[in-house]
Amino acid sequence: MNGKDYYNLELKEIERIKASGVRPRLLMHSCCGPCNSYPIEYLSPIFDLTLYFNNHNIFPEEEFVRRLNELKAYVQHYEQQHHVSIDIVIPPYEDPIFNQVLAANKDAKEGGNRCKTCYAMRMNEAWQYASDHGYDYMTTVMTVSRHKDSVIINEIARRLSKKYPKVAYFYSNFKKNKGMDRSIELSSHFNMYRQSYCGCVYSYEDSLLRQKRRESVIDNTPEN
């Protein structure tokens, strides 16, 4: 399938749920506030939402806490504005163990095998939680990011779905229908912190190298 196909699955499932008159429980793997802003706005009228903040990849821990606090602040505002309740589940932070697994692909480019492993590990953990706690659906906000391939993420979900037959996956391409634009609009409106790297120690190190290169170019620019 391509991104358009998964988006069509998303729309068809929403129409099916609306027609059923039932409000299902959905566990959504959630990362930062900006990425969550539009999916929460989009899905909250349809599902009883719980956010699962299992982002063991985020390095250092201070960055993990900063992103979590940004998400909490947005959720609190959304709850007050829309008179809903959205729980946030926060499993113990296990960055050292998580990054040991990613180390096998530490030199891979952004979006390559290291990232695919990271997506799969976090989605699998969230799905296990959803299965253990009786959720109807599980999904991830990651398809909203322009830096992440929604087809890869949905294909990972398709493979994992065989392990969790009791919990349906909500296929998505949250970038569609100007979803990413809305995310940027909301994060700007609420003055959210927008991180400069994806999360893991390897992407963090890459961001430091990019910053040094930029500073070097500036330092070596001739004055007029």
Protein backbone atom coordinates (compact mmCIF):
# COMPACT_ATOMS: atom_id res chain seq x y z
CA MET A 1 0.00 0.00 0.00
CA ASN A 2 1.01 3.64 -0.40
CA GLY A 3 0.35 6.64 1.80
CA LYS A 4 -2.90 7.46 0.04
CA ASP A 5 -4.21 3.93 0.62
CA TYR A 6 -3.53 4.14 4.35
CA TYR A 7 -5.20 7.54 4.49
CA ASN A 8 -8.26 6.05 2.80
CA LEU A 9 -8.29 3.25 5.40
CA GLU A 10 -8.20 5.92 8.09
CA LEU A 11 -11.20 7.76 6.62
CA LYS A 12 -13.22 4.58 6.09
CA GLU A 13 -12.60 3.43 9.67
CA ILE A 14 -13.70 6.78 11.06
CA GLU A 15 -16.91 6.64 9.02
CA ARG A 16 -17.55 3.08 10.21
CA ILE A 17 -17.08 4.07 13.85
CA LYS A 18 -19.33 7.11 13.51
CA ALA A 19 -22.04 4.98 11.92
CA SER A 20 -21.82 2.42 14.75
CA GLY A 21 -22.70 5.00 17.39
CA VAL A 22 -19.99 3.51 19.65
CA ARG A 23 -17.11 5.50 21.13
CA PRO A 24 -14.11 3.10 21.22
CA ARG A 25 -11.09 3.28 23.50
CA LEU A 26 -7.87 4.12 21.67
CA LEU A 27 -4.32 3.99 23.03
CA MET A 28 -2.09 6.36 21.08
CA HIS A 29 1.69 6.11 21.20
CA SER A 30 2.62 9.73 21.78
CA CYS A 31 5.87 11.64 21.58
CA CYS A 32 6.14 15.43 21.74
CA GLY A 33 3.43 18.04 22.18
CA PRO A 34 3.67 19.47 18.65
CA CYS A 35 3.22 16.07 16.97
CA ASN A 36 0.33 15.18 19.28
CA SER A 37 -1.53 18.47 18.89
CA TYR A 38 -3.39 17.74 15.65
CA PRO A 39 -4.00 13.99 16.19
CA ILE A 40 -5.54 14.74 19.60
CA GLU A 41 -7.78 17.40 18.08
CA TYR A 42 -8.71 15.08 15.21
CA LEU A 43 -9.34 11.87 17.16
CA SER A 44 -10.75 13.06 20.47
CA PRO A 45 -14.29 13.61 19.12
CA ILE A 46 -14.34 9.96 17.94
CA PHE A 47 -12.40 7.98 20.56
CA ASP A 48 -11.82 7.89 24.30
CA LEU A 49 -8.11 8.67 24.12
CA THR A 50 -5.24 7.52 26.29
CA LEU A 51 -1.71 8.65 25.43
CA TYR A 52 1.20 6.26 25.93
CA PHE A 53 4.49 8.11 26.39
CA ASN A 54 7.00 5.28 26.00
CA ASN A 55 9.81 7.21 24.34
CA HIS A 56 12.84 5.46 25.84
CA ASN A 57 14.83 6.57 22.80
CA ILE A 58 14.86 10.23 23.85
CA PHE A 59 18.29 11.36 25.03
CA PRO A 60 19.24 12.89 27.42
CA GLU A 61 16.69 12.42 30.20
CA GLU A 62 16.27 16.18 30.54
CA GLU A 63 15.03 16.22 26.94
CA PHE A 64 12.62 13.36 27.72
CA VAL A 65 11.17 15.36 30.64
CA ARG A 66 10.95 18.55 28.59
CA ARG A 67 8.98 16.87 25.81
CA LEU A 68 6.73 15.11 28.31
CA ASN A 69 5.97 18.36 30.13
CA GLU A 70 5.15 20.07 26.83
CA LEU A 71 2.70 17.28 26.04
CA LYS A 72 1.13 17.48 29.51
CA ALA A 73 0.63 21.24 29.15
CA TYR A 74 -1.12 20.87 25.80
CA VAL A 75 -3.34 18.03 27.04
CA GLN A 76 -4.35 20.04 30.10
CA HIS A 77 -5.33 22.98 27.92
CA TYR A 78 -7.24 20.74 25.50
CA GLU A 79 -9.12 19.04 28.34
CA GLN A 80 -10.20 22.37 29.79
CA GLN A 81 -11.22 23.79 26.42
CA HIS A 82 -13.16 20.73 25.22
CA HIS A 83 -14.38 19.29 28.54
CA VAL A 84 -12.86 15.85 27.97
CA SER A 85 -10.47 13.65 29.94
CA ILE A 86 -7.29 12.30 28.31
CA ASP A 87 -5.04 10.09 30.41
CA ILE A 88 -1.26 9.94 29.87
CA VAL A 89 0.47 6.65 30.73
CA ILE A 90 4.21 7.02 31.39
CA PRO A 91 6.15 3.76 31.73
CA PRO A 92 9.60 3.85 33.39
CA TYR A 93 12.28 5.57 31.29
CA GLU A 94 14.74 2.93 30.01
CA ASP A 95 17.01 4.82 27.63
CA PRO A 96 20.26 2.85 28.24
CA ILE A 97 18.60 -0.52 27.54
CA PHE A 98 16.72 0.85 24.53
CA ASN A 99 19.77 2.44 22.94
CA GLN A 100 21.80 -0.75 23.34
CA VAL A 101 19.45 -2.28 20.80
CA LEU A 102 19.73 0.72 18.47
CA ALA A 103 23.54 0.60 18.67
CA ALA A 104 23.68 -2.14 16.03
CA ASN A 105 22.56 0.50 13.51
CA LYS A 106 24.12 3.56 15.11
CA ASP A 107 25.66 4.72 11.81
CA ALA A 108 22.47 4.35 9.77
CA LYS A 109 21.00 7.45 8.20
CA GLU A 110 17.93 9.11 9.68
CA GLY A 111 14.90 7.13 8.56
CA GLY A 112 16.92 3.95 7.99
CA ASN A 113 17.15 0.69 9.90
CA ARG A 114 17.90 2.31 13.25
CA CYS A 115 14.73 4.38 13.04
CA LYS A 116 12.63 1.44 11.83
CA THR A 117 13.82 -0.60 14.82
CA CYS A 118 12.97 2.29 17.13
CA TYR A 119 9.47 2.69 15.67
CA ALA A 120 8.77 -1.03 15.97
CA MET A 121 9.99 -1.32 19.57
CA ARG A 122 7.89 1.58 20.81
CA MET A 123 4.80 0.54 18.85
CA ASN A 124 5.11 -3.03 20.07
CA GLU A 125 5.34 -1.91 23.70
CA ALA A 126 2.30 0.35 23.31
CA TRP A 127 0.33 -2.41 21.61
CA GLN A 128 1.17 -4.84 24.40
CA TYR A 129 -0.14 -2.32 26.93
CA ALA A 130 -3.31 -1.80 24.87
CA SER A 131 -3.84 -5.57 24.70
CA ASP A 132 -3.27 -6.03 28.43
CA HIS A 133 -5.70 -3.24 29.33
CA GLY A 134 -8.61 -3.93 27.02
CA TYR A 135 -8.32 -1.15 24.47
CA ASP A 136 -10.22 -1.40 21.20
CA TYR A 137 -7.58 0.35 19.07
CA MET A 138 -3.92 1.31 19.12
CA THR A 139 -2.15 3.87 16.92
CA THR A 140 0.84 6.23 16.85
CA VAL A 141 1.14 9.96 16.20
CA MET A 142 4.35 9.44 14.22
CA THR A 143 2.64 9.56 10.82
CA VAL A 144 2.04 13.30 11.31
CA SER A 145 5.75 14.10 11.03
CA ARG A 146 7.11 15.16 7.64
CA HIS A 147 10.40 13.51 8.68
CA LYS A 148 8.81 10.06 9.01
CA ASP A 149 7.51 7.82 6.24
CA SER A 150 3.89 6.93 7.02
CA VAL A 151 4.04 3.87 4.76
CA ILE A 152 6.94 2.39 6.74
CA ILE A 153 5.13 3.04 10.02
CA ASN A 154 1.87 1.50 8.80
CA GLU A 155 3.69 -1.53 7.38
CA ILE A 156 5.35 -2.10 10.75
CA ALA A 157 1.88 -1.97 12.29
CA ARG A 158 0.57 -4.44 9.74
CA ARG A 159 3.29 -6.93 10.74
CA LEU A 160 2.80 -6.39 14.46
CA SER A 161 -0.99 -6.73 14.22
CA LYS A 162 -0.66 -10.53 14.05
CA LYS A 163 0.62 -10.52 17.64
CA TYR A 164 -2.34 -8.57 18.99
CA PRO A 165 -5.57 -9.88 17.42
CA LYS A 166 -7.77 -8.36 20.14
CA VAL A 167 -6.65 -4.76 19.48
CA ALA A 168 -7.28 -3.22 16.05
CA TYR A 169 -4.70 -0.88 14.61
CA PHE A 170 -5.92 2.53 13.48
CA TYR A 171 -4.02 3.02 10.22
CA SER A 172 -3.27 6.65 9.49
CA ASN A 173 -1.47 9.30 7.56
CA PHE A 174 -1.99 12.26 9.85
CA LYS A 175 -0.02 14.54 7.50
CA LYS A 176 -2.90 14.38 5.02
CA ASN A 177 -5.66 16.99 4.83
CA LYS A 178 -3.18 19.62 6.07
CA GLY A 179 -2.66 17.74 9.32
CA MET A 180 0.99 18.75 9.55
CA ASP A 181 0.07 22.37 8.81
CA ARG A 182 -2.47 22.28 11.63
CA SER A 183 0.13 20.78 13.96
CA ILE A 184 2.51 23.65 13.18
CA GLU A 185 -0.29 26.16 13.64
CA LEU A 186 -1.25 24.77 17.05
CA SER A 187 2.33 24.49 18.30
CA SER A 188 2.97 28.08 17.23
CA HIS A 189 -0.23 29.29 18.89
CA PHE A 190 0.70 27.64 22.18
CA ASN A 191 4.39 28.54 21.82
CA MET A 192 5.41 24.90 22.17
CA TYR A 193 8.99 23.75 22.32
CA ARG A 194 9.94 22.17 18.98
CA GLN A 195 12.98 19.92 19.25
CA SER A 196 15.85 20.06 16.75
CA TYR A 197 16.44 16.28 16.56
CA CYS A 198 14.32 13.13 16.59
CA GLY A 199 15.33 11.73 19.96
CA CYS A 200 17.94 9.00 20.32
CA VAL A 201 21.55 9.57 21.36
CA TYR A 202 22.67 9.00 17.76
CA SER A 203 20.34 11.61 16.30
CA TYR A 204 21.37 13.91 19.17
CA GLU A 205 25.04 13.51 18.23
CA ASP A 206 24.21 14.15 14.58
CA SER A 207 22.42 17.37 15.55
CA LEU A 208 25.50 18.55 17.46
CA LEU A 209 27.67 17.90 14.40
CA ARG A 210 25.26 19.84 12.18
CA GLN A 211 25.31 22.72 14.62
CA LYS A 212 29.12 22.79 14.64
CA ARG A 213 29.19 22.81 10.83
CA ARG A 214 26.76 25.73 10.73
CA GLU A 215 28.82 27.64 13.26
CA SER A 216 31.99 26.92 11.27
CA VAL A 217 30.43 28.28 8.08
CA ILE A 218 29.34 31.43 9.92
CA ASP A 219 32.77 31.91 11.48
CA ASN A 220 34.50 31.54 8.11
CA THR A 221 32.18 33.86 6.20
CA PRO A 222 34.19 36.88 4.95
CA GLU A 223 33.08 40.23 6.26
CA ASN A 224 32.03 42.83 3.67
